[in-house]
Amino acid sequence: MVFENFTALLIAAENEWPPETAFRYLDSILENKNMEKKPIFKWTPKDIQDVLKFKEEGLKHREIASYYGVSTWVISRISYLEGASRKNISGKIIEEMIKLYKCGWKVKDIAKKYNIHPGTVYKKMENARKKVEA
């Protein structure tokens, strides 16, 4: 059992696969099944929630993708399908933007501070307002 765990860890590290994929690959070898192509990672609802949580915490798609051994496109697609923001702007940053706006900052200055487009600032603050009203 311990040997299998270490072997799966080595396979995952060597191929940059998530651990679940490495275990599936190792199981197929131990069962004498012939694996002709790279095993496909199956997304569970927990994995998807973790991806959204990582995005909310401010991790970039590249970082999340490297953790799961997939491309950044896959992470972007999951985010899009789940209705998450395309920009990596956490809820904490949106709250700060709203506070700055209420203190008299111009949207242009807020956008410059966070290195985003002014339209994104408007959209994020509007979406936050809609969530509060709902």
C-alpha atoms as a PDB file:
ATOM      1  CA  MET A   1       0.000   0.000   0.000  1.00  0.00           C
ATOM      2  CA  VAL A   2       2.718   2.492   0.966  1.00  0.00           C
ATOM      3  CA  PHE A   3       4.771   1.480  -2.054  1.00  0.00           C
ATOM      4  CA  GLU A   4       1.782   2.120  -4.341  1.00  0.00           C
ATOM      5  CA  ASN A   5       1.289   5.575  -2.821  1.00  0.00           C
ATOM      6  CA  PHE A   6       4.924   6.525  -3.390  1.00  0.00           C
ATOM      7  CA  THR A   7       4.825   5.119  -6.909  1.00  0.00           C
ATOM      8  CA  ALA A   8       1.669   7.091  -7.718  1.00  0.00           C
ATOM      9  CA  LEU A   9       3.266  10.228  -6.284  1.00  0.00           C
ATOM     10  CA  LEU A  10       6.302   9.707  -8.498  1.00  0.00           C
ATOM     11  CA  ILE A  11       4.106   9.150 -11.571  1.00  0.00           C
ATOM     12  CA  ALA A  12       2.105  12.300 -10.787  1.00  0.00           C
ATOM     13  CA  ALA A  13       5.240  14.409 -10.341  1.00  0.00           C
ATOM     14  CA  GLU A  14       6.955  13.022 -13.420  1.00  0.00           C
ATOM     15  CA  ASN A  15       3.986  13.559 -15.738  1.00  0.00           C
ATOM     16  CA  GLU A  16       2.546  16.652 -14.020  1.00  0.00           C
ATOM     17  CA  TRP A  17      -0.745  14.840 -13.448  1.00  0.00           C
ATOM     18  CA  PRO A  18      -3.137  15.226 -10.538  1.00  0.00           C
ATOM     19  CA  PRO A  19      -2.794  12.408  -7.972  1.00  0.00           C
ATOM     20  CA  GLU A  20      -6.159  10.871  -8.915  1.00  0.00           C
ATOM     21  CA  THR A  21      -5.018  10.446 -12.515  1.00  0.00           C
ATOM     22  CA  ALA A  22      -1.720   8.911 -11.419  1.00  0.00           C
ATOM     23  CA  PHE A  23      -3.543   6.390  -9.209  1.00  0.00           C
ATOM     24  CA  ARG A  24      -5.867   5.479 -12.091  1.00  0.00           C
ATOM     25  CA  TYR A  25      -2.840   4.988 -14.333  1.00  0.00           C
ATOM     26  CA  LEU A  26      -1.069   2.862 -11.706  1.00  0.00           C
ATOM     27  CA  ASP A  27      -4.196   0.730 -11.176  1.00  0.00           C
ATOM     28  CA  SER A  28      -4.415   0.059 -14.905  1.00  0.00           C
ATOM     29  CA  ILE A  29      -0.771  -1.075 -14.945  1.00  0.00           C
ATOM     30  CA  LEU A  30      -1.273  -3.343 -11.930  1.00  0.00           C
ATOM     31  CA  GLU A  31      -4.378  -4.873 -13.532  1.00  0.00           C
ATOM     32  CA  ASN A  32      -2.411  -5.487 -16.761  1.00  0.00           C
ATOM     33  CA  LYS A  33      -4.637  -3.201 -18.791  1.00  0.00           C
ATOM     34  CA  ASN A  34      -2.992  -1.574 -21.747  1.00  0.00           C
ATOM     35  CA  MET A  35      -3.169   2.226 -21.505  1.00  0.00           C
ATOM     36  CA  GLU A  36      -2.531   3.685 -24.920  1.00  0.00           C
ATOM     37  CA  LYS A  37      -3.354   7.280 -24.102  1.00  0.00           C
ATOM     38  CA  LYS A  38      -3.004   9.582 -21.130  1.00  0.00           C
ATOM     39  CA  PRO A  39      -5.741   9.000 -18.543  1.00  0.00           C
ATOM     40  CA  ILE A  40      -8.408  11.680 -18.448  1.00  0.00           C
ATOM     41  CA  PHE A  41      -8.990  13.569 -15.224  1.00  0.00           C
ATOM     42  CA  LYS A  42     -12.649  13.375 -14.191  1.00  0.00           C
ATOM     43  CA  TRP A  43     -13.968  16.498 -12.493  1.00  0.00           C
ATOM     44  CA  THR A  44     -16.025  15.983  -9.360  1.00  0.00           C
ATOM     45  CA  PRO A  45     -18.317  18.676  -7.936  1.00  0.00           C
ATOM     46  CA  LYS A  46     -15.788  19.087  -5.086  1.00  0.00           C
ATOM     47  CA  ASP A  47     -12.997  19.752  -7.602  1.00  0.00           C
ATOM     48  CA  ILE A  48     -15.102  22.404  -9.322  1.00  0.00           C
ATOM     49  CA  GLN A  49     -15.915  24.067  -5.993  1.00  0.00           C
ATOM     50  CA  ASP A  50     -12.211  24.029  -5.123  1.00  0.00           C
ATOM     51  CA  VAL A  51     -11.358  25.712  -8.438  1.00  0.00           C
ATOM     52  CA  LEU A  52     -13.913  28.451  -7.761  1.00  0.00           C
ATOM     53  CA  LYS A  53     -12.579  28.845  -4.211  1.00  0.00           C
ATOM     54  CA  PHE A  54      -9.013  29.169  -5.517  1.00  0.00           C
ATOM     55  CA  LYS A  55     -10.198  31.847  -7.967  1.00  0.00           C
ATOM     56  CA  GLU A  56     -11.982  33.696  -5.167  1.00  0.00           C
ATOM     57  CA  GLU A  57      -8.751  33.633  -3.160  1.00  0.00           C
ATOM     58  CA  GLY A  58      -6.981  35.326  -6.066  1.00  0.00           C
ATOM     59  CA  LEU A  59      -4.988  32.463  -7.625  1.00  0.00           C
ATOM     60  CA  LYS A  60      -4.324  32.802 -11.331  1.00  0.00           C
ATOM     61  CA  HIS A  61      -5.702  30.313 -13.841  1.00  0.00           C
ATOM     62  CA  ARG A  62      -2.144  29.199 -14.623  1.00  0.00           C
ATOM     63  CA  GLU A  63      -1.526  28.267 -10.981  1.00  0.00           C
ATOM     64  CA  ILE A  64      -4.810  26.394 -10.627  1.00  0.00           C
ATOM     65  CA  ALA A  65      -4.258  24.588 -13.939  1.00  0.00           C
ATOM     66  CA  SER A  66      -0.788  23.426 -12.914  1.00  0.00           C
ATOM     67  CA  TYR A  67      -2.221  21.967  -9.703  1.00  0.00           C
ATOM     68  CA  TYR A  68      -4.765  19.874 -11.626  1.00  0.00           C
ATOM     69  CA  GLY A  69      -2.467  19.106 -14.562  1.00  0.00           C
ATOM     70  CA  VAL A  70      -4.755  20.721 -17.136  1.00  0.00           C
ATOM     71  CA  SER A  71      -4.519  23.730 -19.422  1.00  0.00           C
ATOM     72  CA  THR A  72      -5.560  27.240 -18.426  1.00  0.00           C
ATOM     73  CA  TRP A  73      -8.368  26.962 -20.984  1.00  0.00           C
ATOM     74  CA  VAL A  74      -9.974  24.177 -18.923  1.00  0.00           C
ATOM     75  CA  ILE A  75      -9.961  26.361 -15.807  1.00  0.00           C
ATOM     76  CA  SER A  76     -11.389  29.296 -17.783  1.00  0.00           C
ATOM     77  CA  ARG A  77     -14.117  27.053 -19.187  1.00  0.00           C
ATOM     78  CA  ILE A  78     -15.067  25.712 -15.750  1.00  0.00           C
ATOM     79  CA  SER A  79     -15.197  29.262 -14.413  1.00  0.00           C
ATOM     80  CA  TYR A  80     -17.374  30.381 -17.321  1.00  0.00           C
ATOM     81  CA  LEU A  81     -19.780  27.448 -17.007  1.00  0.00           C
ATOM     82  CA  GLU A  82     -20.114  27.998 -13.258  1.00  0.00           C
ATOM     83  CA  GLY A  83     -20.745  31.724 -13.728  1.00  0.00           C
ATOM     84  CA  ALA A  84     -17.566  32.875 -11.991  1.00  0.00           C
ATOM     85  CA  SER A  85     -15.783  36.049 -12.918  1.00  0.00           C
ATOM     86  CA  ARG A  86     -13.179  35.885 -15.672  1.00  0.00           C
ATOM     87  CA  LYS A  87     -11.012  38.368 -13.839  1.00  0.00           C
ATOM     88  CA  ASN A  88      -9.165  37.208 -10.742  1.00  0.00           C
ATOM     89  CA  ILE A  89     -10.702  39.839  -8.504  1.00  0.00           C
ATOM     90  CA  SER A  90     -11.572  38.552  -5.051  1.00  0.00           C
ATOM     91  CA  GLY A  91     -14.607  39.635  -3.081  1.00  0.00           C
ATOM     92  CA  LYS A  92     -12.304  41.432  -0.668  1.00  0.00           C
ATOM     93  CA  ILE A  93     -10.909  43.599  -3.481  1.00  0.00           C
ATOM     94  CA  ILE A  94     -14.421  44.397  -4.723  1.00  0.00           C
ATOM     95  CA  GLU A  95     -15.354  45.543  -1.205  1.00  0.00           C
ATOM     96  CA  GLU A  96     -12.253  47.766  -1.162  1.00  0.00           C
ATOM     97  CA  MET A  97     -13.215  49.225  -4.553  1.00  0.00           C
ATOM     98  CA  ILE A  98     -16.695  50.055  -3.260  1.00  0.00           C
ATOM     99  CA  LYS A  99     -15.242  51.715  -0.131  1.00  0.00           C
ATOM    100  CA  LEU A 100     -12.847  53.788  -2.238  1.00  0.00           C
ATOM    101  CA  TYR A 101     -15.697  54.829  -4.530  1.00  0.00           C
ATOM    102  CA  LYS A 102     -17.824  55.871  -1.545  1.00  0.00           C
ATOM    103  CA  CYS A 103     -14.838  57.866  -0.206  1.00  0.00           C
ATOM    104  CA  GLY A 104     -14.838  59.919  -3.396  1.00  0.00           C
ATOM    105  CA  TRP A 105     -12.300  58.149  -5.598  1.00  0.00           C
ATOM    106  CA  LYS A 106     -12.954  58.274  -9.325  1.00  0.00           C
ATOM    107  CA  VAL A 107     -13.534  54.992 -11.135  1.00  0.00           C
ATOM    108  CA  LYS A 108     -10.562  55.778 -13.367  1.00  0.00           C
ATOM    109  CA  ASP A 109      -8.276  56.038 -10.303  1.00  0.00           C
ATOM    110  CA  ILE A 110      -9.631  52.812  -8.798  1.00  0.00           C
ATOM    111  CA  ALA A 111      -9.042  51.026 -12.111  1.00  0.00           C
ATOM    112  CA  LYS A 112      -5.486  52.336 -12.248  1.00  0.00           C
ATOM    113  CA  LYS A 113      -4.825  51.179  -8.666  1.00  0.00           C
ATOM    114  CA  TYR A 114      -5.920  47.588  -9.416  1.00  0.00           C
ATOM    115  CA  ASN A 115      -4.579  47.570 -12.987  1.00  0.00           C
ATOM    116  CA  ILE A 116      -7.942  46.825 -14.585  1.00  0.00           C
ATOM    117  CA  HIS A 117     -10.218  48.571 -17.073  1.00  0.00           C
ATOM    118  CA  PRO A 118     -12.662  51.184 -15.681  1.00  0.00           C
ATOM    119  CA  GLY A 119     -15.531  49.216 -17.239  1.00  0.00           C
ATOM    120  CA  THR A 120     -14.532  46.236 -15.116  1.00  0.00           C
ATOM    121  CA  VAL A 121     -14.724  48.394 -11.986  1.00  0.00           C
ATOM    122  CA  TYR A 122     -18.243  49.541 -12.916  1.00  0.00           C
ATOM    123  CA  LYS A 123     -19.329  45.983 -13.693  1.00  0.00           C
ATOM    124  CA  LYS A 124     -17.906  44.490 -10.479  1.00  0.00           C
ATOM    125  CA  MET A 125     -19.469  47.179  -8.293  1.00  0.00           C
ATOM    126  CA  GLU A 126     -22.817  46.818 -10.103  1.00  0.00           C
ATOM    127  CA  ASN A 127     -22.793  43.023  -9.671  1.00  0.00           C
ATOM    128  CA  ALA A 128     -21.951  43.429  -5.975  1.00  0.00           C
ATOM    129  CA  ARG A 129     -24.857  45.851  -5.589  1.00  0.00           C
ATOM    130  CA  LYS A 130     -27.228  43.380  -7.282  1.00  0.00           C
ATOM    131  CA  LYS A 131     -26.095  40.576  -4.956  1.00  0.00           C
ATOM    132  CA  VAL A 132     -26.780  42.755  -1.913  1.00  0.00           C
ATOM    133  CA  GLU A 133     -30.265  43.652  -3.183  1.00  0.00           C
ATOM    134  CA  ALA A 134     -31.160  40.021  -3.979  1.00  0.00           C
END
